[in-house]
PDB file of N, CA and C in Angstrom:
ATOM      1  N   MET A   1      66.981  20.907 -51.726  1.00  0.00           N
ATOM      2  CA  MET A   1      67.477  22.011 -52.527  1.00  0.00           C
ATOM      3  C   MET A   1      66.288  22.884 -52.935  1.00  0.00           C
ATOM      4  N   ILE A   2      66.495  24.178 -52.956  1.00  0.00           N
ATOM      5  CA  ILE A   2      65.481  25.123 -53.421  1.00  0.00           C
ATOM      6  C   ILE A   2      65.786  25.477 -54.871  1.00  0.00           C
ATOM      7  N   ARG A   3      64.784  25.367 -55.731  1.00  0.00           N
ATOM      8  CA  ARG A   3      64.931  25.688 -57.159  1.00  0.00           C
ATOM      9  C   ARG A   3      63.800  26.611 -57.590  1.00  0.00           C
ATOM     10  N   GLY A   4      64.077  27.391 -58.618  1.00  0.00           N
ATOM     11  CA  GLY A   4      63.059  28.205 -59.259  1.00  0.00           C
ATOM     12  C   GLY A   4      62.635  27.544 -60.552  1.00  0.00           C
ATOM     13  N   ILE A   5      61.338  27.482 -60.776  1.00  0.00           N
ATOM     14  CA  ILE A   5      60.793  26.958 -62.030  1.00  0.00           C
ATOM     15  C   ILE A   5      60.065  28.106 -62.709  1.00  0.00           C
ATOM     16  N   ARG A   6      60.455  28.381 -63.939  1.00  0.00           N
ATOM     17  CA  ARG A   6      59.887  29.507 -64.691  1.00  0.00           C
ATOM     18  C   ARG A   6      58.803  29.032 -65.636  1.00  0.00           C
ATOM     19  N   GLY A   7      57.900  29.927 -65.930  1.00  0.00           N
ATOM     20  CA  GLY A   7      56.871  29.672 -66.918  1.00  0.00           C
ATOM     21  C   GLY A   7      56.380  30.987 -67.487  1.00  0.00           C
ATOM     22  N   ALA A   8      55.809  30.917 -68.684  1.00  0.00           N
ATOM     23  CA  ALA A   8      55.212  32.103 -69.300  1.00  0.00           C
ATOM     24  C   ALA A   8      54.188  31.657 -70.338  1.00  0.00           C
ATOM     25  N   THR A   9      53.201  32.485 -70.508  1.00  0.00           N
ATOM     26  CA  THR A   9      52.175  32.241 -71.514  1.00  0.00           C
ATOM     27  C   THR A   9      51.684  33.590 -72.015  1.00  0.00           C
ATOM     28  N   THR A  10      50.948  33.567 -73.085  1.00  0.00           N
ATOM     29  CA  THR A  10      50.358  34.800 -73.610  1.00  0.00           C
ATOM     30  C   THR A  10      48.866  34.589 -73.824  1.00  0.00           C
ATOM     31  N   VAL A  11      48.162  35.702 -73.915  1.00  0.00           N
ATOM     32  CA  VAL A  11      46.738  35.692 -74.244  1.00  0.00           C
ATOM     33  C   VAL A  11      46.524  36.625 -75.421  1.00  0.00           C
ATOM     34  N   GLU A  12      45.416  36.439 -76.108  1.00  0.00           N
ATOM     35  CA  GLU A  12      45.109  37.316 -77.237  1.00  0.00           C
ATOM     36  C   GLU A  12      44.358  38.561 -76.799  1.00  0.00           C
ATOM     37  N   ASN A  13      43.628  38.435 -75.681  1.00  0.00           N
ATOM     38  CA  ASN A  13      42.780  39.542 -75.227  1.00  0.00           C
ATOM     39  C   ASN A  13      42.931  39.766 -73.729  1.00  0.00           C
ATOM     40  N   ASN A  14      42.728  40.983 -73.311  1.00  0.00           N
ATOM     41  CA  ASN A  14      42.733  41.329 -71.893  1.00  0.00           C
ATOM     42  C   ASN A  14      41.357  41.005 -71.312  1.00  0.00           C
ATOM     43  N   GLN A  15      41.089  39.704 -71.186  1.00  0.00           N
ATOM     44  CA  GLN A  15      39.808  39.232 -70.667  1.00  0.00           C
ATOM     45  C   GLN A  15      40.074  38.229 -69.551  1.00  0.00           C
ATOM     46  N   ALA A  16      39.368  38.406 -68.456  1.00  0.00           N
ATOM     47  CA  ALA A  16      39.594  37.582 -67.269  1.00  0.00           C
ATOM     48  C   ALA A  16      39.572  36.089 -67.571  1.00  0.00           C
ATOM     49  N   ASP A  17      38.563  35.623 -68.288  1.00  0.00           N
ATOM     50  CA  ASP A  17      38.450  34.189 -68.565  1.00  0.00           C
ATOM     51  C   ASP A  17      39.675  33.653 -69.293  1.00  0.00           C
ATOM     52  N   GLU A  18      40.164  34.393 -70.265  1.00  0.00           N
ATOM     53  CA  GLU A  18      41.325  33.953 -71.042  1.00  0.00           C
ATOM     54  C   GLU A  18      42.608  33.998 -70.204  1.00  0.00           C
ATOM     55  N   ILE A  19      42.763  35.032 -69.404  1.00  0.00           N
ATOM     56  CA  ILE A  19      43.943  35.136 -68.530  1.00  0.00           C
ATOM     57  C   ILE A  19      43.968  33.959 -67.558  1.00  0.00           C
ATOM     58  N   ILE A  20      42.834  33.668 -66.938  1.00  0.00           N
ATOM     59  CA  ILE A  20      42.747  32.570 -65.979  1.00  0.00           C
ATOM     60  C   ILE A  20      42.959  31.227 -66.689  1.00  0.00           C
ATOM     61  N   GLU A  21      42.306  31.024 -67.812  1.00  0.00           N
ATOM     62  CA  GLU A  21      42.421  29.758 -68.552  1.00  0.00           C
ATOM     63  C   GLU A  21      43.865  29.467 -68.963  1.00  0.00           C
ATOM     64  N   HIS A  22      44.549  30.456 -69.531  1.00  0.00           N
ATOM     65  CA  HIS A  22      45.933  30.249 -69.966  1.00  0.00           C
ATOM     66  C   HIS A  22      46.876  30.090 -68.776  1.00  0.00           C
ATOM     67  N   SER A  23      46.569  30.767 -67.685  1.00  0.00           N
ATOM     68  CA  SER A  23      47.394  30.631 -66.483  1.00  0.00           C
ATOM     69  C   SER A  23      47.229  29.247 -65.860  1.00  0.00           C
ATOM     70  N   ILE A  24      46.006  28.735 -65.838  1.00  0.00           N
ATOM     71  CA  ILE A  24      45.770  27.372 -65.341  1.00  0.00           C
ATOM     72  C   ILE A  24      46.517  26.373 -66.217  1.00  0.00           C
ATOM     73  N   GLU A  25      46.399  26.523 -67.520  1.00  0.00           N
ATOM     74  CA  GLU A  25      47.075  25.619 -68.458  1.00  0.00           C
ATOM     75  C   GLU A  25      48.590  25.621 -68.233  1.00  0.00           C
ATOM     76  N   MET A  26      49.174  26.795 -68.091  1.00  0.00           N
ATOM     77  CA  MET A  26      50.616  26.916 -67.859  1.00  0.00           C
ATOM     78  C   MET A  26      51.005  26.268 -66.529  1.00  0.00           C
ATOM     79  N   MET A  27      50.268  26.584 -65.479  1.00  0.00           N
ATOM     80  CA  MET A  27      50.600  26.046 -64.161  1.00  0.00           C
ATOM     81  C   MET A  27      50.421  24.537 -64.100  1.00  0.00           C
ATOM     82  N   GLN A  28      49.368  24.018 -64.713  1.00  0.00           N
ATOM     83  CA  GLN A  28      49.148  22.567 -64.696  1.00  0.00           C
ATOM     84  C   GLN A  28      50.278  21.853 -65.424  1.00  0.00           C
ATOM     85  N   ASP A  29      50.739  22.413 -66.527  1.00  0.00           N
ATOM     86  CA  ASP A  29      51.864  21.841 -67.275  1.00  0.00           C
ATOM     87  C   ASP A  29      53.140  21.888 -66.428  1.00  0.00           C
ATOM     88  N   LEU A  30      53.398  23.016 -65.784  1.00  0.00           N
ATOM     89  CA  LEU A  30      54.574  23.171 -64.920  1.00  0.00           C
ATOM     90  C   LEU A  30      54.529  22.160 -63.764  1.00  0.00           C
ATOM     91  N   ILE A  31      53.371  22.025 -63.147  1.00  0.00           N
ATOM     92  CA  ILE A  31      53.186  21.091 -62.027  1.00  0.00           C
ATOM     93  C   ILE A  31      53.411  19.655 -62.486  1.00  0.00           C
ATOM     94  N   ASP A  32      52.779  19.288 -63.594  1.00  0.00           N
ATOM     95  CA  ASP A  32      52.872  17.909 -64.098  1.00  0.00           C
ATOM     96  C   ASP A  32      54.291  17.541 -64.532  1.00  0.00           C
ATOM     97  N   LYS A  33      54.935  18.416 -65.291  1.00  0.00           N
ATOM     98  CA  LYS A  33      56.265  18.095 -65.820  1.00  0.00           C
ATOM     99  C   LYS A  33      57.355  18.092 -64.756  1.00  0.00           C
ATOM    100  N   ASN A  34      57.096  18.751 -63.617  1.00  0.00           N
ATOM    101  CA  ASN A  34      58.095  18.815 -62.552  1.00  0.00           C
ATOM    102  C   ASN A  34      57.670  18.060 -61.294  1.00  0.00           C
ATOM    103  N   ASP A  35      56.563  17.335 -61.374  1.00  0.00           N
ATOM    104  CA  ASP A  35      56.049  16.568 -60.227  1.00  0.00           C
ATOM    105  C   ASP A  35      55.984  17.420 -58.962  1.00  0.00           C
ATOM    106  N   VAL A  36      55.422  18.612 -59.087  1.00  0.00           N
ATOM    107  CA  VAL A  36      55.348  19.551 -57.964  1.00  0.00           C
ATOM    108  C   VAL A  36      54.094  19.292 -57.139  1.00  0.00           C
ATOM    109  N   GLU A  37      54.286  19.185 -55.852  1.00  0.00           N
ATOM    110  CA  GLU A  37      53.180  19.094 -54.896  1.00  0.00           C
ATOM    111  C   GLU A  37      53.116  20.423 -54.145  1.00  0.00           C
ATOM    112  N   PRO A  38      51.915  20.898 -53.800  1.00  0.00           N
ATOM    113  CA  PRO A  38      51.798  22.185 -53.102  1.00  0.00           C
ATOM    114  C   PRO A  38      52.674  22.290 -51.855  1.00  0.00           C
ATOM    115  N   GLU A  39      52.856  21.215 -51.114  1.00  0.00           N
ATOM    116  CA  GLU A  39      53.656  21.242 -49.893  1.00  0.00           C
ATOM    117  C   GLU A  39      55.136  21.521 -50.156  1.00  0.00           C
ATOM    118  N   GLN A  40      55.591  21.323 -51.396  1.00  0.00           N
ATOM    119  CA  GLN A  40      56.985  21.591 -51.767  1.00  0.00           C
ATOM    120  C   GLN A  40      57.223  23.057 -52.106  1.00  0.00           C
ATOM    121  N   VAL A  41      56.158  23.807 -52.307  1.00  0.00           N
ATOM    122  CA  VAL A  41      56.264  25.163 -52.845  1.00  0.00           C
ATOM    123  C   VAL A  41      56.518  26.173 -51.740  1.00  0.00           C
ATOM    124  N   VAL A  42      57.560  26.961 -51.921  1.00  0.00           N
ATOM    125  CA  VAL A  42      57.897  28.040 -50.995  1.00  0.00           C
ATOM    126  C   VAL A  42      57.009  29.244 -51.291  1.00  0.00           C
ATOM    127  N   SER A  43      56.949  29.644 -52.576  1.00  0.00           N
ATOM    128  CA  SER A  43      56.116  30.764 -52.990  1.00  0.00           C
ATOM    129  C   SER A  43      55.987  30.781 -54.509  1.00  0.00           C
ATOM    130  N   VAL A  44      55.001  31.546 -54.974  1.00  0.00           N
ATOM    131  CA  VAL A  44      54.750  31.704 -56.406  1.00  0.00           C
ATOM    132  C   VAL A  44      54.616  33.193 -56.692  1.00  0.00           C
ATOM    133  N   LEU A  45      55.377  33.669 -57.675  1.00  0.00           N
ATOM    134  CA  LEU A  45      55.310  35.068 -58.102  1.00  0.00           C
ATOM    135  C   LEU A  45      54.841  35.125 -59.550  1.00  0.00           C
ATOM    136  N   PHE A  46      53.736  35.802 -59.781  1.00  0.00           N
ATOM    137  CA  PHE A  46      53.232  36.031 -61.131  1.00  0.00           C
ATOM    138  C   PHE A  46      53.517  37.477 -61.521  1.00  0.00           C
ATOM    139  N   THR A  47      53.853  37.696 -62.779  1.00  0.00           N
ATOM    140  CA  THR A  47      53.874  39.046 -63.323  1.00  0.00           C
ATOM    141  C   THR A  47      53.013  39.067 -64.575  1.00  0.00           C
ATOM    142  N   VAL A  48      52.473  40.234 -64.873  1.00  0.00           N
ATOM    143  CA  VAL A  48      51.724  40.443 -66.107  1.00  0.00           C
ATOM    144  C   VAL A  48      52.236  41.714 -66.763  1.00  0.00           C
ATOM    145  N   THR A  49      52.158  41.751 -68.061  1.00  0.00           N
ATOM    146  CA  THR A  49      52.526  42.978 -68.770  1.00  0.00           C
ATOM    147  C   THR A  49      51.455  44.033 -68.504  1.00  0.00           C
ATOM    148  N   GLU A  50      51.814  45.294 -68.708  1.00  0.00           N
ATOM    149  CA  GLU A  50      50.919  46.395 -68.334  1.00  0.00           C
ATOM    150  C   GLU A  50      49.600  46.405 -69.108  1.00  0.00           C
ATOM    151  N   ASP A  51      49.516  45.650 -70.198  1.00  0.00           N
ATOM    152  CA  ASP A  51      48.280  45.599 -70.986  1.00  0.00           C
ATOM    153  C   ASP A  51      47.292  44.547 -70.475  1.00  0.00           C
ATOM    154  N   LEU A  52      47.643  43.855 -69.382  1.00  0.00           N
ATOM    155  CA  LEU A  52      46.744  42.869 -68.773  1.00  0.00           C
ATOM    156  C   LEU A  52      46.355  43.326 -67.370  1.00  0.00           C
ATOM    157  N   ASN A  53      45.072  43.650 -67.223  1.00  0.00           N
ATOM    158  CA  ASN A  53      44.608  44.095 -65.911  1.00  0.00           C
ATOM    159  C   ASN A  53      43.186  43.644 -65.598  1.00  0.00           C
ATOM    160  N   ASP A  54      42.696  42.647 -66.331  1.00  0.00           N
ATOM    161  CA  ASP A  54      41.316  42.205 -66.143  1.00  0.00           C
ATOM    162  C   ASP A  54      41.188  41.075 -65.114  1.00  0.00           C
ATOM    163  N   ALA A  55      42.320  40.479 -64.711  1.00  0.00           N
ATOM    164  CA  ALA A  55      42.279  39.397 -63.715  1.00  0.00           C
ATOM    165  C   ALA A  55      43.655  39.186 -63.110  1.00  0.00           C
ATOM    166  N   PHE A  56      43.657  38.692 -61.890  1.00  0.00           N
ATOM    167  CA  PHE A  56      44.896  38.275 -61.240  1.00  0.00           C
ATOM    168  C   PHE A  56      45.172  36.825 -61.646  1.00  0.00           C
ATOM    169  N   PRO A  57      46.346  36.527 -62.212  1.00  0.00           N
ATOM    170  CA  PRO A  57      46.632  35.135 -62.554  1.00  0.00           C
ATOM    171  C   PRO A  57      46.706  34.221 -61.333  1.00  0.00           C
ATOM    172  N   ALA A  58      46.908  34.772 -60.155  1.00  0.00           N
ATOM    173  CA  ALA A  58      46.912  33.960 -58.929  1.00  0.00           C
ATOM    174  C   ALA A  58      45.584  33.245 -58.737  1.00  0.00           C
ATOM    175  N   LYS A  59      44.522  33.812 -59.266  1.00  0.00           N
ATOM    176  CA  LYS A  59      43.208  33.181 -59.176  1.00  0.00           C
ATOM    177  C   LYS A  59      43.230  31.806 -59.844  1.00  0.00           C
ATOM    178  N   ALA A  60      44.045  31.664 -60.883  1.00  0.00           N
ATOM    179  CA  ALA A  60      44.176  30.371 -61.564  1.00  0.00           C
ATOM    180  C   ALA A  60      44.727  29.327 -60.609  1.00  0.00           C
ATOM    181  N   LEU A  61      45.736  29.699 -59.876  1.00  0.00           N
ATOM    182  CA  LEU A  61      46.365  28.769 -58.946  1.00  0.00           C
ATOM    183  C   LEU A  61      45.408  28.376 -57.832  1.00  0.00           C
ATOM    184  N   ARG A  62      44.628  29.309 -57.371  1.00  0.00           N
ATOM    185  CA  ARG A  62      43.671  29.040 -56.300  1.00  0.00           C
ATOM    186  C   ARG A  62      42.589  28.050 -56.736  1.00  0.00           C
ATOM    187  N   SER A  63      42.392  27.894 -58.031  1.00  0.00           N
ATOM    188  CA  SER A  63      41.380  26.957 -58.519  1.00  0.00           C
ATOM    189  C   SER A  63      41.880  25.512 -58.526  1.00  0.00           C
ATOM    190  N   LEU A  64      43.187  25.314 -58.313  1.00  0.00           N
ATOM    191  CA  LEU A  64      43.754  23.963 -58.311  1.00  0.00           C
ATOM    192  C   LEU A  64      43.686  23.364 -56.912  1.00  0.00           C
ATOM    193  N   GLU A  65      43.284  22.128 -56.829  1.00  0.00           N
ATOM    194  CA  GLU A  65      43.133  21.461 -55.539  1.00  0.00           C
ATOM    195  C   GLU A  65      44.457  21.399 -54.782  1.00  0.00           C
ATOM    196  N   GLY A  66      44.424  21.786 -53.514  1.00  0.00           N
ATOM    197  CA  GLY A  66      45.593  21.710 -52.650  1.00  0.00           C
ATOM    198  C   GLY A  66      46.457  22.955 -52.621  1.00  0.00           C
ATOM    199  N   TRP A  67      46.151  23.964 -53.411  1.00  0.00           N
ATOM    200  CA  TRP A  67      46.992  25.156 -53.525  1.00  0.00           C
ATOM    201  C   TRP A  67      46.484  26.340 -52.710  1.00  0.00           C
ATOM    202  N   THR A  68      45.507  26.135 -51.873  1.00  0.00           N
ATOM    203  CA  THR A  68      44.887  27.200 -51.091  1.00  0.00           C
ATOM    204  C   THR A  68      45.871  27.967 -50.219  1.00  0.00           C
ATOM    205  N   TYR A  69      46.816  27.265 -49.578  1.00  0.00           N
ATOM    206  CA  TYR A  69      47.688  27.905 -48.589  1.00  0.00           C
ATOM    207  C   TYR A  69      49.072  28.271 -49.123  1.00  0.00           C
ATOM    208  N   VAL A  70      49.306  28.085 -50.416  1.00  0.00           N
ATOM    209  CA  VAL A  70      50.597  28.444 -51.008  1.00  0.00           C
ATOM    210  C   VAL A  70      50.666  29.967 -51.140  1.00  0.00           C
ATOM    211  N   PRO A  71      51.741  30.618 -50.654  1.00  0.00           N
ATOM    212  CA  PRO A  71      51.870  32.068 -50.780  1.00  0.00           C
ATOM    213  C   PRO A  71      52.043  32.483 -52.256  1.00  0.00           C
ATOM    214  N   VAL A  72      51.191  33.398 -52.697  1.00  0.00           N
ATOM    215  CA  VAL A  72      51.190  33.833 -54.097  1.00  0.00           C
ATOM    216  C   VAL A  72      51.093  35.350 -54.154  1.00  0.00           C
ATOM    217  N   MET A  73      51.862  35.947 -55.082  1.00  0.00           N
ATOM    218  CA  MET A  73      51.769  37.393 -55.329  1.00  0.00           C
ATOM    219  C   MET A  73      51.696  37.642 -56.825  1.00  0.00           C
ATOM    220  N   CYS A  74      51.029  38.736 -57.174  1.00  0.00           N
ATOM    221  CA  CYS A  74      50.969  39.200 -58.559  1.00  0.00           C
ATOM    222  C   CYS A  74      51.549  40.602 -58.623  1.00  0.00           C
ATOM    223  N   MET A  75      52.241  40.882 -59.693  1.00  0.00           N
ATOM    224  CA  MET A  75      52.799  42.213 -59.887  1.00  0.00           C
ATOM    225  C   MET A  75      52.914  42.522 -61.380  1.00  0.00           C
ATOM    226  N   GLN A  76      53.201  43.772 -61.692  1.00  0.00           N
ATOM    227  CA  GLN A  76      53.327  44.181 -63.088  1.00  0.00           C
ATOM    228  C   GLN A  76      54.769  44.050 -63.550  1.00  0.00           C
ATOM    229  N   GLU A  77      54.930  43.549 -64.754  1.00  0.00           N
ATOM    230  CA  GLU A  77      56.238  43.409 -65.394  1.00  0.00           C
ATOM    231  C   GLU A  77      56.760  44.804 -65.783  1.00  0.00           C
ATOM    232  N   ILE A  78      58.049  44.963 -65.846  1.00  0.00           N
ATOM    233  CA  ILE A  78      58.644  46.226 -66.298  1.00  0.00           C
ATOM    234  C   ILE A  78      58.245  46.465 -67.752  1.00  0.00           C
ATOM    235  N   PRO A  79      57.690  47.636 -68.088  1.00  0.00           N
ATOM    236  CA  PRO A  79      57.229  47.890 -69.460  1.00  0.00           C
ATOM    237  C   PRO A  79      58.375  48.290 -70.408  1.00  0.00           C
ATOM    238  N   VAL A  80      59.210  47.340 -70.756  1.00  0.00           N
ATOM    239  CA  VAL A  80      60.338  47.592 -71.651  1.00  0.00           C
ATOM    240  C   VAL A  80      59.809  47.771 -73.079  1.00  0.00           C
ATOM    241  N   PRO A  81      60.190  48.839 -73.772  1.00  0.00           N
ATOM    242  CA  PRO A  81      59.728  49.035 -75.141  1.00  0.00           C
ATOM    243  C   PRO A  81      60.094  47.841 -76.031  1.00  0.00           C
ATOM    244  N   GLY A  82      59.102  47.397 -76.814  1.00  0.00           N
ATOM    245  CA  GLY A  82      59.324  46.297 -77.739  1.00  0.00           C
ATOM    246  C   GLY A  82      59.225  44.911 -77.126  1.00  0.00           C
ATOM    247  N   SER A  83      58.907  44.839 -75.833  1.00  0.00           N
ATOM    248  CA  SER A  83      58.818  43.524 -75.182  1.00  0.00           C
ATOM    249  C   SER A  83      57.511  42.828 -75.562  1.00  0.00           C
ATOM    250  N   LEU A  84      57.458  41.538 -75.293  1.00  0.00           N
ATOM    251  CA  LEU A  84      56.294  40.718 -75.612  1.00  0.00           C
ATOM    252  C   LEU A  84      55.053  41.252 -74.899  1.00  0.00           C
ATOM    253  N   GLU A  85      53.974  41.395 -75.652  1.00  0.00           N
ATOM    254  CA  GLU A  85      52.725  41.924 -75.098  1.00  0.00           C
ATOM    255  C   GLU A  85      51.823  40.808 -74.598  1.00  0.00           C
ATOM    256  N   ARG A  86      50.874  41.179 -73.745  1.00  0.00           N
ATOM    257  CA  ARG A  86      49.848  40.280 -73.209  1.00  0.00           C
ATOM    258  C   ARG A  86      50.453  38.983 -72.672  1.00  0.00           C
ATOM    259  N   CYS A  87      51.445  39.140 -71.809  1.00  0.00           N
ATOM    260  CA  CYS A  87      52.213  38.008 -71.302  1.00  0.00           C
ATOM    261  C   CYS A  87      52.063  37.858 -69.783  1.00  0.00           C
ATOM    262  N   VAL A  88      51.844  36.628 -69.369  1.00  0.00           N
ATOM    263  CA  VAL A  88      51.811  36.250 -67.953  1.00  0.00           C
ATOM    264  C   VAL A  88      53.052  35.410 -67.697  1.00  0.00           C
ATOM    265  N   ARG A  89      53.843  35.805 -66.704  1.00  0.00           N
ATOM    266  CA  ARG A  89      55.041  35.042 -66.334  1.00  0.00           C
ATOM    267  C   ARG A  89      54.872  34.532 -64.901  1.00  0.00           C
ATOM    268  N   VAL A  90      55.589  33.452 -64.598  1.00  0.00           N
ATOM    269  CA  VAL A  90      55.526  32.912 -63.246  1.00  0.00           C
ATOM    270  C   VAL A  90      56.905  32.411 -62.828  1.00  0.00           C
ATOM    271  N   MET A  91      57.185  32.548 -61.533  1.00  0.00           N
ATOM    272  CA  MET A  91      58.369  31.957 -60.910  1.00  0.00           C
ATOM    273  C   MET A  91      57.850  31.173 -59.707  1.00  0.00           C
ATOM    274  N   VAL A  92      58.039  29.857 -59.765  1.00  0.00           N
ATOM    275  CA  VAL A  92      57.613  28.980 -58.681  1.00  0.00           C
ATOM    276  C   VAL A  92      58.876  28.521 -57.957  1.00  0.00           C
ATOM    277  N   THR A  93      58.976  28.836 -56.685  1.00  0.00           N
ATOM    278  CA  THR A  93      60.125  28.429 -55.878  1.00  0.00           C
ATOM    279  C   THR A  93      59.726  27.174 -55.115  1.00  0.00           C
ATOM    280  N   VAL A  94      60.481  26.089 -55.354  1.00  0.00           N
ATOM    281  CA  VAL A  94      60.121  24.788 -54.775  1.00  0.00           C
ATOM    282  C   VAL A  94      61.301  24.107 -54.103  1.00  0.00           C
ATOM    283  N   GLU A  95      60.972  23.225 -53.175  1.00  0.00           N
ATOM    284  CA  GLU A  95      61.951  22.304 -52.616  1.00  0.00           C
ATOM    285  C   GLU A  95      61.909  21.060 -53.500  1.00  0.00           C
ATOM    286  N   THR A  96      63.066  20.667 -54.062  1.00  0.00           N
ATOM    287  CA  THR A  96      63.105  19.545 -54.995  1.00  0.00           C
ATOM    288  C   THR A  96      64.480  18.896 -54.990  1.00  0.00           C
ATOM    289  N   ASP A  97      64.514  17.656 -55.420  1.00  0.00           N
ATOM    290  CA  ASP A  97      65.779  16.952 -55.596  1.00  0.00           C
ATOM    291  C   ASP A  97      66.291  17.083 -57.028  1.00  0.00           C
ATOM    292  N   GLN A  98      65.510  17.724 -57.898  1.00  0.00           N
ATOM    293  CA  GLN A  98      65.919  17.892 -59.289  1.00  0.00           C
ATOM    294  C   GLN A  98      67.115  18.845 -59.395  1.00  0.00           C
ATOM    295  N   SER A  99      68.014  18.539 -60.324  1.00  0.00           N
ATOM    296  CA  SER A  99      69.100  19.466 -60.625  1.00  0.00           C
ATOM    297  C   SER A  99      68.536  20.581 -61.509  1.00  0.00           C
ATOM    298  N   GLN A 100      69.282  21.661 -61.660  1.00  0.00           N
ATOM    299  CA  GLN A 100      68.822  22.744 -62.534  1.00  0.00           C
ATOM    300  C   GLN A 100      68.582  22.246 -63.944  1.00  0.00           C
ATOM    301  N   HIS A 101      69.399  21.324 -64.396  1.00  0.00           N
ATOM    302  CA  HIS A 101      69.262  20.777 -65.751  1.00  0.00           C
ATOM    303  C   HIS A 101      67.983  19.948 -65.903  1.00  0.00           C
ATOM    304  N   GLU A 102      67.524  19.341 -64.822  1.00  0.00           N
ATOM    305  CA  GLU A 102      66.335  18.482 -64.879  1.00  0.00           C
ATOM    306  C   GLU A 102      65.021  19.249 -64.794  1.00  0.00           C
ATOM    307  N   VAL A 103      65.052  20.468 -64.314  1.00  0.00           N
ATOM    308  CA  VAL A 103      63.838  21.267 -64.171  1.00  0.00           C
ATOM    309  C   VAL A 103      63.285  21.604 -65.558  1.00  0.00           C
ATOM    310  N   SER A 104      61.961  21.439 -65.696  1.00  0.00           N
ATOM    311  CA  SER A 104      61.286  21.768 -66.960  1.00  0.00           C
ATOM    312  C   SER A 104      60.598  23.119 -66.826  1.00  0.00           C
ATOM    313  N   HIS A 105      61.125  24.111 -67.526  1.00  0.00           N
ATOM    314  CA  HIS A 105      60.514  25.435 -67.564  1.00  0.00           C
ATOM    315  C   HIS A 105      59.465  25.416 -68.678  1.00  0.00           C
ATOM    316  N   ILE A 106      58.369  26.105 -68.474  1.00  0.00           N
ATOM    317  CA  ILE A 106      57.207  25.987 -69.348  1.00  0.00           C
ATOM    318  C   ILE A 106      56.932  27.308 -70.078  1.00  0.00           C
ATOM    319  N   TYR A 107      56.899  27.237 -71.395  1.00  0.00           N
ATOM    320  CA  TYR A 107      56.598  28.415 -72.210  1.00  0.00           C
ATOM    321  C   TYR A 107      55.543  28.044 -73.245  1.00  0.00           C
ATOM    322  N   HIS A 108      54.402  28.734 -73.199  1.00  0.00           N
ATOM    323  CA  HIS A 108      53.290  28.453 -74.090  1.00  0.00           C
ATOM    324  C   HIS A 108      53.038  29.622 -75.046  1.00  0.00           C
ATOM    325  N   TYR A 109      52.421  29.301 -76.169  1.00  0.00           N
ATOM    326  CA  TYR A 109      51.976  30.282 -77.161  1.00  0.00           C
ATOM    327  C   TYR A 109      53.135  31.195 -77.576  1.00  0.00           C
ATOM    328  N   GLU A 110      52.879  32.492 -77.652  1.00  0.00           N
ATOM    329  CA  GLU A 110      53.918  33.426 -78.100  1.00  0.00           C
ATOM    330  C   GLU A 110      55.079  33.540 -77.113  1.00  0.00           C
ATOM    331  N   ALA A 111      54.872  33.114 -75.887  1.00  0.00           N
ATOM    332  CA  ALA A 111      55.934  33.191 -74.873  1.00  0.00           C
ATOM    333  C   ALA A 111      57.089  32.233 -75.177  1.00  0.00           C
ATOM    334  N   LYS A 112      56.889  31.297 -76.079  1.00  0.00           N
ATOM    335  CA  LYS A 112      57.978  30.380 -76.458  1.00  0.00           C
ATOM    336  C   LYS A 112      59.189  31.150 -76.981  1.00  0.00           C
ATOM    337  N   GLN A 113      58.949  32.323 -77.549  1.00  0.00           N
ATOM    338  CA  GLN A 113      60.056  33.114 -78.084  1.00  0.00           C
ATOM    339  C   GLN A 113      60.945  33.715 -76.996  1.00  0.00           C
ATOM    340  N   LEU A 114      60.464  33.737 -75.753  1.00  0.00           N
ATOM    341  CA  LEU A 114      61.265  34.295 -74.657  1.00  0.00           C
ATOM    342  C   LEU A 114      62.481  33.443 -74.355  1.00  0.00           C
ATOM    343  N   ARG A 115      62.338  32.134 -74.449  1.00  0.00           N
ATOM    344  CA  ARG A 115      63.434  31.211 -74.143  1.00  0.00           C
ATOM    345  C   ARG A 115      63.443  30.049 -75.157  1.00  0.00           C
ATOM    346  N   PRO A 116      63.789  30.326 -76.393  1.00  0.00           N
ATOM    347  CA  PRO A 116      63.789  29.244 -77.403  1.00  0.00           C
ATOM    348  C   PRO A 116      64.830  28.167 -77.094  1.00  0.00           C
ATOM    349  N   ASP A 117      65.769  28.463 -76.218  1.00  0.00           N
ATOM    350  CA  ASP A 117      66.779  27.486 -75.839  1.00  0.00           C
ATOM    351  C   ASP A 117      66.241  26.444 -74.867  1.00  0.00           C
ATOM    352  N   LEU A 118      65.097  26.711 -74.265  1.00  0.00           N
ATOM    353  CA  LEU A 118      64.494  25.769 -73.328  1.00  0.00           C
ATOM    354  C   LEU A 118      63.289  25.112 -73.991  1.00  0.00           C
ATOM    355  N   LYS A 119      63.286  23.810 -74.034  1.00  0.00           N
ATOM    356  CA  LYS A 119      62.154  23.096 -74.628  1.00  0.00           C
ATOM    357  C   LYS A 119      61.154  22.773 -73.550  1.00  0.00           C
ATOM    358  N   SER A 120      59.885  23.094 -73.803  1.00  0.00           N
ATOM    359  CA  SER A 120      58.837  22.758 -72.835  1.00  0.00           C
ATOM    360  C   SER A 120      57.803  21.878 -73.480  1.00  0.00           C
TER     361      SER A 120
END
């Protein structure tokens, strides 16, 4: 079965080190909680809000062992007025036996407010 696993995190500053660090933290949590192996991954899509342009969050994924050949793209989130600022979102499409209910979506820092109904 193909499933999407969502994640989001925020940073305080538009600084490459912080964007990469928080993205690694989010991805490692998503990987660990869902037992994801790179070979199971179809693709990874990252988005960032328009106020983040100092680094590609895909660089975070490339720093993890075994993720070199996973297809990854980065793009800008739609700038909806009043939306959460300094936010990195991810959609990981994986082959898994988990049901939708069993998938653990990951929300860190201020991004927890995006989906308070989902516990991460």
